[in-house]
C-alpha atoms as a PDB file:
ATOM      1  CA  MET A   1     -11.818  89.869-165.230  1.00  0.00           C
ATOM      2  CA  ASP A   2     -12.916  86.646-166.943  1.00  0.00           C
ATOM      3  CA  ALA A   3     -15.931  86.908-169.199  1.00  0.00           C
ATOM      4  CA  TYR A   4     -19.154  86.220-167.256  1.00  0.00           C
ATOM      5  CA  ALA A   5     -17.427  86.223-163.829  1.00  0.00           C
ATOM      6  CA  ALA A   6     -19.322  89.334-162.733  1.00  0.00           C
ATOM      7  CA  LEU A   7     -22.032  89.277-165.401  1.00  0.00           C
ATOM      8  CA  ALA A   8     -23.371  85.946-164.104  1.00  0.00           C
ATOM      9  CA  SER A   9     -24.903  87.615-161.041  1.00  0.00           C
ATOM     10  CA  VAL A  10     -27.090  89.918-163.172  1.00  0.00           C
ATOM     11  CA  TYR A  11     -27.221  87.973-166.445  1.00  0.00           C
ATOM     12  CA  ASP A  12     -30.852  86.926-166.124  1.00  0.00           C
ATOM     13  CA  GLU A  13     -31.877  90.410-165.072  1.00  0.00           C
ATOM     14  CA  PHE A  14     -30.287  92.002-168.134  1.00  0.00           C
ATOM     15  CA  MET A  15     -31.556  89.243-170.460  1.00  0.00           C
ATOM     16  CA  ASP A  16     -35.178  89.503-169.348  1.00  0.00           C
ATOM     17  CA  ASN A  17     -36.116  90.754-172.822  1.00  0.00           C
ATOM     18  CA  VAL A  18     -35.078  87.468-174.471  1.00  0.00           C
ATOM     19  CA  PRO A  19     -38.159  85.357-175.353  1.00  0.00           C
ATOM     20  CA  TYR A  20     -36.641  82.050-174.246  1.00  0.00           C
ATOM     21  CA  GLU A  21     -39.954  80.183-174.540  1.00  0.00           C
ATOM     22  CA  GLU A  22     -40.304  81.250-178.189  1.00  0.00           C
ATOM     23  CA  TRP A  23     -36.677  80.364-178.924  1.00  0.00           C
ATOM     24  CA  ALA A  24     -37.182  76.943-177.347  1.00  0.00           C
ATOM     25  CA  GLU A  25     -40.389  76.369-179.326  1.00  0.00           C
ATOM     26  CA  TYR A  26     -38.562  77.104-182.573  1.00  0.00           C
ATOM     27  CA  LEU A  27     -35.632  74.889-181.565  1.00  0.00           C
ATOM     28  CA  CYS A  28     -37.901  72.004-180.563  1.00  0.00           C
ATOM     29  CA  GLY A  29     -39.627  72.297-183.925  1.00  0.00           C
ATOM     30  CA  LEU A  30     -36.282  71.943-185.683  1.00  0.00           C
ATOM     31  CA  LEU A  31     -35.313  68.978-183.511  1.00  0.00           C
ATOM     32  CA  SER A  32     -38.609  67.305-184.391  1.00  0.00           C
ATOM     33  CA  ASP A  33     -38.132  68.071-188.093  1.00  0.00           C
ATOM     34  CA  TYR A  34     -34.823  66.201-187.979  1.00  0.00           C
ATOM     35  CA  GLY A  35     -36.115  63.208-186.068  1.00  0.00           C
ATOM     36  CA  VAL A  36     -35.240  64.084-182.468  1.00  0.00           C
ATOM     37  CA  GLU A  37     -38.450  63.794-180.453  1.00  0.00           C
ATOM     38  CA  GLY A  38     -36.780  62.996-177.125  1.00  0.00           C
ATOM     39  CA  GLY A  39     -33.746  61.352-175.569  1.00  0.00           C
ATOM     40  CA  LEU A  40     -30.440  62.822-174.452  1.00  0.00           C
ATOM     41  CA  VAL A  41     -29.675  66.346-175.655  1.00  0.00           C
ATOM     42  CA  LEU A  42     -26.500  68.276-174.905  1.00  0.00           C
ATOM     43  CA  GLU A  43     -26.514  72.061-174.715  1.00  0.00           C
ATOM     44  CA  LEU A  44     -23.130  73.694-175.261  1.00  0.00           C
ATOM     45  CA  GLY A  45     -22.769  77.066-173.546  1.00  0.00           C
ATOM     46  CA  CYS A  46     -25.835  76.527-171.374  1.00  0.00           C
ATOM     47  CA  GLY A  47     -25.101  79.575-169.201  1.00  0.00           C
ATOM     48  CA  THR A  48     -27.586  80.021-166.370  1.00  0.00           C
ATOM     49  CA  GLY A  49     -29.754  77.201-167.701  1.00  0.00           C
ATOM     50  CA  ASN A  50     -32.752  79.130-169.019  1.00  0.00           C
ATOM     51  CA  LEU A  51     -33.131  77.127-172.238  1.00  0.00           C
ATOM     52  CA  THR A  52     -31.847  73.955-170.583  1.00  0.00           C
ATOM     53  CA  GLU A  53     -34.742  74.029-168.124  1.00  0.00           C
ATOM     54  CA  ILE A  54     -37.347  74.689-170.824  1.00  0.00           C
ATOM     55  CA  LEU A  55     -36.045  71.775-172.925  1.00  0.00           C
ATOM     56  CA  ALA A  56     -36.008  69.514-169.859  1.00  0.00           C
ATOM     57  CA  ARG A  57     -39.620  70.409-169.132  1.00  0.00           C
ATOM     58  CA  GLY A  58     -40.357  69.582-172.778  1.00  0.00           C
ATOM     59  CA  GLY A  59     -39.290  65.970-172.278  1.00  0.00           C
ATOM     60  CA  TYR A  60     -35.623  65.969-173.248  1.00  0.00           C
ATOM     61  CA  ASP A  61     -32.972  64.483-170.960  1.00  0.00           C
ATOM     62  CA  MET A  62     -30.662  67.439-170.704  1.00  0.00           C
ATOM     63  CA  ILE A  63     -26.926  67.832-170.213  1.00  0.00           C
ATOM     64  CA  GLY A  64     -25.580  71.378-169.944  1.00  0.00           C
ATOM     65  CA  VAL A  65     -21.942  72.322-170.520  1.00  0.00           C
ATOM     66  CA  ASP A  66     -20.419  75.705-169.746  1.00  0.00           C
ATOM     67  CA  ARG A  67     -16.923  76.964-168.928  1.00  0.00           C
ATOM     68  CA  SER A  68     -18.097  79.659-166.490  1.00  0.00           C
ATOM     69  CA  GLU A  69     -18.330  78.403-162.925  1.00  0.00           C
ATOM     70  CA  GLU A  70     -20.408  81.435-161.951  1.00  0.00           C
ATOM     71  CA  MET A  71     -22.966  80.893-164.734  1.00  0.00           C
ATOM     72  CA  LEU A  72     -23.253  77.192-163.918  1.00  0.00           C
ATOM     73  CA  GLN A  73     -23.777  77.969-160.242  1.00  0.00           C
ATOM     74  CA  ALA A  74     -26.809  80.045-161.215  1.00  0.00           C
ATOM     75  CA  ALA A  75     -28.073  77.131-163.336  1.00  0.00           C
ATOM     76  CA  ILE A  76     -27.600  74.701-160.448  1.00  0.00           C
ATOM     77  CA  GLU A  77     -29.579  76.983-158.136  1.00  0.00           C
ATOM     78  CA  LYS A  78     -32.437  77.002-160.656  1.00  0.00           C
ATOM     79  CA  ARG A  79     -32.291  73.207-160.848  1.00  0.00           C
ATOM     80  CA  ALA A  80     -32.616  73.002-157.068  1.00  0.00           C
ATOM     81  CA  GLN A  81     -35.811  75.069-157.262  1.00  0.00           C
ATOM     82  CA  SER A  82     -37.352  73.306-160.265  1.00  0.00           C
ATOM     83  CA  GLY A  83     -36.364  69.774-159.278  1.00  0.00           C
ATOM     84  CA  LEU A  84     -35.567  68.938-162.896  1.00  0.00           C
ATOM     85  CA  ASP A  85     -33.106  66.134-163.608  1.00  0.00           C
ATOM     86  CA  ILE A  86     -30.372  68.020-165.478  1.00  0.00           C
ATOM     87  CA  LEU A  87     -26.676  67.158-165.523  1.00  0.00           C
ATOM     88  CA  TYR A  88     -24.410  70.214-165.540  1.00  0.00           C
ATOM     89  CA  LEU A  89     -20.724  69.924-166.457  1.00  0.00           C
ATOM     90  CA  LEU A  90     -18.065  72.593-165.959  1.00  0.00           C
ATOM     91  CA  GLN A  91     -16.141  72.160-169.202  1.00  0.00           C
ATOM     92  CA  ASP A  92     -14.706  74.166-172.074  1.00  0.00           C
ATOM     93  CA  MET A  93     -16.642  73.187-175.201  1.00  0.00           C
ATOM     94  CA  ARG A  94     -13.343  72.855-177.052  1.00  0.00           C
ATOM     95  CA  GLU A  95     -12.463  69.956-174.747  1.00  0.00           C
ATOM     96  CA  PHE A  96     -15.797  68.589-173.506  1.00  0.00           C
ATOM     97  CA  GLU A  97     -16.164  64.919-172.605  1.00  0.00           C
ATOM     98  CA  LEU A  98     -19.274  62.780-172.171  1.00  0.00           C
ATOM     99  CA  TYR A  99     -19.799  59.205-170.991  1.00  0.00           C
ATOM    100  CA  GLY A 100     -21.685  58.253-174.154  1.00  0.00           C
ATOM    101  CA  THR A 101     -23.468  59.628-177.183  1.00  0.00           C
ATOM    102  CA  VAL A 102     -26.509  61.900-177.370  1.00  0.00           C
ATOM    103  CA  ALA A 103     -29.396  62.247-179.800  1.00  0.00           C
ATOM    104  CA  ALA A 104     -28.677  65.919-180.472  1.00  0.00           C
ATOM    105  CA  VAL A 105     -26.424  68.803-179.535  1.00  0.00           C
ATOM    106  CA  VAL A 106     -27.719  72.373-179.420  1.00  0.00           C
ATOM    107  CA  SER A 107     -26.024  75.715-178.824  1.00  0.00           C
ATOM    108  CA  LEU A 108     -27.839  79.051-178.799  1.00  0.00           C
ATOM    109  CA  CYS A 109     -27.351  82.686-177.774  1.00  0.00           C
ATOM    110  CA  ASP A 110     -24.355  83.060-180.155  1.00  0.00           C
ATOM    111  CA  THR A 111     -22.188  80.700-178.106  1.00  0.00           C
ATOM    112  CA  MET A 112     -20.456  79.465-181.255  1.00  0.00           C
ATOM    113  CA  ASN A 113     -19.453  83.030-182.132  1.00  0.00           C
ATOM    114  CA  TYR A 114     -17.178  82.921-179.079  1.00  0.00           C
ATOM    115  CA  LEU A 115     -14.925  80.558-181.032  1.00  0.00           C
ATOM    116  CA  THR A 116     -12.675  83.239-182.474  1.00  0.00           C
ATOM    117  CA  GLU A 117     -10.239  80.787-184.103  1.00  0.00           C
ATOM    118  CA  TYR A 118     -11.354  78.736-187.106  1.00  0.00           C
ATOM    119  CA  GLU A 119      -9.336  75.774-185.800  1.00  0.00           C
ATOM    120  CA  ASP A 120     -11.345  75.862-182.555  1.00  0.00           C
ATOM    121  CA  LEU A 121     -14.570  75.736-184.560  1.00  0.00           C
ATOM    122  CA  VAL A 122     -13.352  72.592-186.337  1.00  0.00           C
ATOM    123  CA  THR A 123     -12.290  71.083-182.998  1.00  0.00           C
ATOM    124  CA  VAL A 124     -15.731  71.621-181.476  1.00  0.00           C
ATOM    125  CA  LEU A 125     -17.456  70.156-184.523  1.00  0.00           C
ATOM    126  CA  ARG A 126     -15.222  67.071-184.373  1.00  0.00           C
ATOM    127  CA  LEU A 127     -16.114  66.565-180.715  1.00  0.00           C
ATOM    128  CA  VAL A 128     -19.813  67.037-181.460  1.00  0.00           C
ATOM    129  CA  ASN A 129     -19.630  64.498-184.286  1.00  0.00           C
ATOM    130  CA  ASN A 130     -17.899  62.046-181.956  1.00  0.00           C
ATOM    131  CA  TYR A 131     -20.565  62.311-179.243  1.00  0.00           C
ATOM    132  CA  LEU A 132     -23.646  62.258-181.477  1.00  0.00           C
ATOM    133  CA  ASP A 133     -25.707  59.138-182.064  1.00  0.00           C
ATOM    134  CA  PRO A 134     -25.547  57.856-185.655  1.00  0.00           C
ATOM    135  CA  GLY A 135     -27.424  60.400-187.746  1.00  0.00           C
ATOM    136  CA  GLY A 136     -27.795  62.771-184.786  1.00  0.00           C
ATOM    137  CA  VAL A 137     -27.981  66.522-185.365  1.00  0.00           C
ATOM    138  CA  PHE A 138     -26.187  69.614-184.145  1.00  0.00           C
ATOM    139  CA  ILE A 139     -28.298  72.784-184.233  1.00  0.00           C
ATOM    140  CA  PHE A 140     -26.739  76.119-183.347  1.00  0.00           C
ATOM    141  CA  ASP A 141     -27.254  79.796-183.981  1.00  0.00           C
ATOM    142  CA  LEU A 142     -24.800  82.463-185.071  1.00  0.00           C
ATOM    143  CA  ASN A 143     -24.747  86.228-185.113  1.00  0.00           C
ATOM    144  CA  THR A 144     -24.028  87.252-188.696  1.00  0.00           C
ATOM    145  CA  LEU A 145     -21.418  89.467-190.280  1.00  0.00           C
ATOM    146  CA  TYR A 146     -24.234  91.852-191.211  1.00  0.00           C
ATOM    147  CA  LYS A 147     -25.214  92.210-187.551  1.00  0.00           C
ATOM    148  CA  TYR A 148     -21.693  92.905-186.338  1.00  0.00           C
ATOM    149  CA  ARG A 149     -20.879  95.248-189.216  1.00  0.00           C
ATOM    150  CA  THR A 150     -24.168  97.140-189.466  1.00  0.00           C
ATOM    151  CA  VAL A 151     -26.221  96.743-186.301  1.00  0.00           C
ATOM    152  CA  ILE A 152     -23.914  96.628-183.271  1.00  0.00           C
ATOM    153  CA  GLY A 153     -20.450  97.475-184.580  1.00  0.00           C
ATOM    154  CA  GLU A 154     -19.130 100.678-182.952  1.00  0.00           C
ATOM    155  CA  GLU A 155     -22.362 101.036-180.971  1.00  0.00           C
ATOM    156  CA  THR A 156     -22.503 101.878-177.260  1.00  0.00           C
ATOM    157  CA  ILE A 157     -25.447 100.642-175.223  1.00  0.00           C
ATOM    158  CA  ALA A 158     -26.164 101.689-171.639  1.00  0.00           C
ATOM    159  CA  GLU A 159     -28.891 100.678-169.243  1.00  0.00           C
ATOM    160  CA  ALA A 160     -29.647 101.375-165.588  1.00  0.00           C
ATOM    161  CA  ARG A 161     -31.705  99.101-163.378  1.00  0.00           C
ATOM    162  CA  GLU A 162     -32.772  99.578-159.763  1.00  0.00           C
ATOM    163  CA  ASP A 163     -29.732  97.830-158.291  1.00  0.00           C
ATOM    164  CA  SER A 164     -27.347  97.572-161.252  1.00  0.00           C
ATOM    165  CA  GLY A 165     -26.370  99.071-164.560  1.00  0.00           C
ATOM    166  CA  PHE A 166     -24.079  98.517-167.503  1.00  0.00           C
ATOM    167  CA  ILE A 167     -22.245 100.233-170.336  1.00  0.00           C
ATOM    168  CA  TRP A 168     -21.647  97.978-173.347  1.00  0.00           C
ATOM    169  CA  GLU A 169     -19.224  99.255-175.994  1.00  0.00           C
ATOM    170  CA  ASN A 170     -18.687  97.428-179.294  1.00  0.00           C
ATOM    171  CA  TYR A 171     -15.659  97.530-181.558  1.00  0.00           C
ATOM    172  CA  PHE A 172     -15.790  95.526-184.767  1.00  0.00           C
ATOM    173  CA  ASP A 173     -12.588  94.771-186.694  1.00  0.00           C
ATOM    174  CA  GLU A 174     -13.390  94.224-190.361  1.00  0.00           C
ATOM    175  CA  GLU A 175     -10.179  92.360-191.166  1.00  0.00           C
ATOM    176  CA  SER A 176     -10.381  89.732-188.417  1.00  0.00           C
ATOM    177  CA  ARG A 177     -14.204  89.881-188.296  1.00  0.00           C
ATOM    178  CA  ILE A 178     -13.939  89.892-184.502  1.00  0.00           C
ATOM    179  CA  ASN A 179     -16.268  91.996-182.390  1.00  0.00           C
ATOM    180  CA  GLU A 180     -14.897  93.184-179.060  1.00  0.00           C
ATOM    181  CA  TYR A 181     -17.466  93.803-176.340  1.00  0.00           C
ATOM    182  CA  CYS A 182     -16.199  96.029-173.527  1.00  0.00           C
ATOM    183  CA  LEU A 183     -18.691  95.609-170.718  1.00  0.00           C
ATOM    184  CA  THR A 184     -18.653  97.790-167.602  1.00  0.00           C
ATOM    185  CA  LEU A 185     -20.998  96.667-164.821  1.00  0.00           C
ATOM    186  CA  PHE A 186     -22.112  98.620-161.773  1.00  0.00           C
ATOM    187  CA  LEU A 187     -23.431  96.311-159.055  1.00  0.00           C
ATOM    188  CA  GLN A 188     -25.075  97.678-155.924  1.00  0.00           C
ATOM    189  CA  GLU A 189     -23.548  96.407-152.690  1.00  0.00           C
ATOM    190  CA  ASP A 190     -24.480  98.516-149.623  1.00  0.00           C
ATOM    191  CA  GLY A 191     -26.819 101.465-149.756  1.00  0.00           C
ATOM    192  CA  ASP A 192     -25.588 103.852-152.422  1.00  0.00           C
ATOM    193  CA  LEU A 193     -22.300 101.988-152.868  1.00  0.00           C
ATOM    194  CA  TYR A 194     -21.778 100.343-156.255  1.00  0.00           C
ATOM    195  CA  ARG A 195     -18.967  98.018-157.305  1.00  0.00           C
ATOM    196  CA  ARG A 196     -17.551  98.474-160.796  1.00  0.00           C
ATOM    197  CA  CYS A 197     -16.560  95.375-162.784  1.00  0.00           C
ATOM    198  CA  ASP A 198     -15.054  95.306-166.268  1.00  0.00           C
ATOM    199  CA  GLU A 199     -15.242  92.375-168.665  1.00  0.00           C
ATOM    200  CA  ILE A 200     -14.144  91.961-172.273  1.00  0.00           C
ATOM    201  CA  HIS A 201     -15.873  89.485-174.591  1.00  0.00           C
ATOM    202  CA  TYR A 202     -14.806  88.538-178.110  1.00  0.00           C
ATOM    203  CA  GLN A 203     -16.989  87.072-180.849  1.00  0.00           C
ATOM    204  CA  ARG A 204     -16.225  86.252-184.461  1.00  0.00           C
ATOM    205  CA  ALA A 205     -18.454  86.425-187.508  1.00  0.00           C
ATOM    206  CA  TYR A 206     -18.368  83.330-189.703  1.00  0.00           C
ATOM    207  CA  GLU A 207     -19.393  83.279-193.338  1.00  0.00           C
ATOM    208  CA  PRO A 208     -21.651  80.389-194.460  1.00  0.00           C
ATOM    209  CA  GLU A 209     -18.856  78.941-196.599  1.00  0.00           C
ATOM    210  CA  GLU A 210     -16.577  78.775-193.552  1.00  0.00           C
ATOM    211  CA  ILE A 211     -19.199  76.778-191.675  1.00  0.00           C
ATOM    212  CA  ARG A 212     -19.549  74.386-194.600  1.00  0.00           C
ATOM    213  CA  ARG A 213     -15.786  73.955-194.813  1.00  0.00           C
ATOM    214  CA  ALA A 214     -15.398  73.459-191.063  1.00  0.00           C
ATOM    215  CA  ALA A 215     -18.180  70.857-191.058  1.00  0.00           C
ATOM    216  CA  ALA A 216     -16.482  68.957-193.878  1.00  0.00           C
ATOM    217  CA  GLU A 217     -13.118  69.059-192.078  1.00  0.00           C
ATOM    218  CA  ALA A 218     -14.787  67.761-188.915  1.00  0.00           C
ATOM    219  CA  GLY A 219     -16.440  64.894-190.801  1.00  0.00           C
ATOM    220  CA  MET A 220     -19.970  66.277-190.405  1.00  0.00           C
ATOM    221  CA  GLU A 221     -22.695  66.764-192.998  1.00  0.00           C
ATOM    222  CA  PHE A 222     -23.875  70.312-193.593  1.00  0.00           C
ATOM    223  CA  VAL A 223     -27.670  70.003-193.840  1.00  0.00           C
ATOM    224  CA  THR A 224     -28.995  73.561-194.078  1.00  0.00           C
ATOM    225  CA  ALA A 225     -29.083  77.058-192.615  1.00  0.00           C
ATOM    226  CA  TYR A 226     -32.137  79.169-191.813  1.00  0.00           C
ATOM    227  CA  ASP A 227     -32.875  82.815-191.256  1.00  0.00           C
ATOM    228  CA  ALA A 228     -33.547  82.723-187.505  1.00  0.00           C
ATOM    229  CA  PHE A 229     -37.027  81.698-186.373  1.00  0.00           C
ATOM    230  CA  SER A 230     -38.133  80.805-189.882  1.00  0.00           C
ATOM    231  CA  LYS A 231     -37.691  78.042-192.421  1.00  0.00           C
ATOM    232  CA  GLN A 232     -36.387  80.494-195.006  1.00  0.00           C
ATOM    233  CA  ALA A 233     -32.828  80.669-196.343  1.00  0.00           C
ATOM    234  CA  PRO A 234     -30.607  83.309-194.745  1.00  0.00           C
ATOM    235  CA  ARG A 235     -30.860  86.785-196.285  1.00  0.00           C
ATOM    236  CA  GLU A 236     -28.199  89.450-196.686  1.00  0.00           C
ATOM    237  CA  GLU A 237     -29.902  91.321-193.835  1.00  0.00           C
ATOM    238  CA  SER A 238     -30.225  88.307-191.536  1.00  0.00           C
ATOM    239  CA  GLU A 239     -28.922  89.202-188.082  1.00  0.00           C
ATOM    240  CA  ARG A 240     -29.017  85.661-186.721  1.00  0.00           C
ATOM    241  CA  ILE A 241     -29.031  82.307-188.495  1.00  0.00           C
ATOM    242  CA  TYR A 242     -29.574  78.724-187.388  1.00  0.00           C
ATOM    243  CA  VAL A 243     -27.313  75.997-188.768  1.00  0.00           C
ATOM    244  CA  VAL A 244     -28.146  72.289-188.909  1.00  0.00           C
ATOM    245  CA  LEU A 245     -25.340  69.723-189.181  1.00  0.00           C
ATOM    246  CA  ARG A 246     -25.656  65.937-189.081  1.00  0.00           C
ATOM    247  CA  GLU A 247     -23.395  63.270-187.632  1.00  0.00           C
ATOM    248  CA  ARG A 248     -21.554  61.284-190.251  1.00  0.00           C
ATOM    249  CA  GLY A 249     -19.338  58.240-189.946  1.00  0.00           C
ATOM    250  CA  LYS A 250     -20.781  55.937-187.285  1.00  0.00           C
ATOM    251  CA  ALA A 251     -23.386  54.362-189.541  1.00  0.00           C
ATOM    252  CA  ASP A 252     -20.764  53.794-192.235  1.00  0.00           C
ATOM    253  CA  LEU A 253     -18.438  52.240-189.652  1.00  0.00           C
ATOM    254  CA  GLY A 254     -21.189  49.904-188.467  1.00  0.00           C
ATOM    255  CA  ALA A 255     -21.952  48.836-192.025  1.00  0.00           C
ATOM    256  CA  ARG A 256     -18.318  47.848-192.597  1.00  0.00           C
ATOM    257  CA  LYS A 257     -18.151  45.629-189.518  1.00  0.00           C
END
C-alpha cells in the first residue's frame, strides 16, 4: 500500500502529541528573522494541513503541496470548516509547479528526509530556487543521523487507541543511511471488526555537508542550520535540525539586464 494511503485517516489522531502551535511559532520567528513577514508561502509536504492552517491564520497566504491524495483530502476538509483561503495542490515535490514566485518555502515534519536519493534533493532545491522571490528563503527540518542511528533505529513502537492501533517497526541501514518504517495499522470498521493495513515508509539521513553541497549544486545559498527550536548550532546529539537556504540568481540576473 502507498505510504499515507491508510495512515491519512488516523494521522491526526496519532500525531496529537505534536505541538504544532509551538512549531509554527518557532518557524514564524525564523521567517521574520529572514525578512518574511507576510506574503505567499509554499509548504512542501503539507499533509493534512495542520501547520498550513496555523500559518494562514498568522497572516501568510498559503499554498500547500502534497503527493498523497488522501492526506490532501483531509486538509481540504479542514479548510472547509475553517474557511481559510488556502490553495492545495496534488503534486510530487520533485516536480511541483506554481504560477509565480513566493516569498518563502517551508517544509517540516521531516518531509525532506523522504528524499532518499541525493539527486532528488538537488532537484527539489533547484525547483525551490526557481519559485522563490529574489532573496527568498527555504526553511526545512531534518531528522538527523544521530536520531536514526541512536534513537529510533531498530526500535518497535506500538500504540492502541479506542478505535485504532499501530505497530511501527524501524530498520536503519548504516551504509545507505536509509531508515525503513514498517507500519501496521488496525482500523476499526464494524463492531469488533478491525481492518489491517500495511505501509512502508523510507527516510534518509543527510549529513550537513551533503546539504551544503546540494544547495550549491542547485544554485542556492546555504545560510545556516540550527538545533531544532533554538538559535544554537546543531550538536552531535541533535535529533532534529532546521536548515535555512536563500534564493540566489534572480537579483544577479536583474542587475545584468
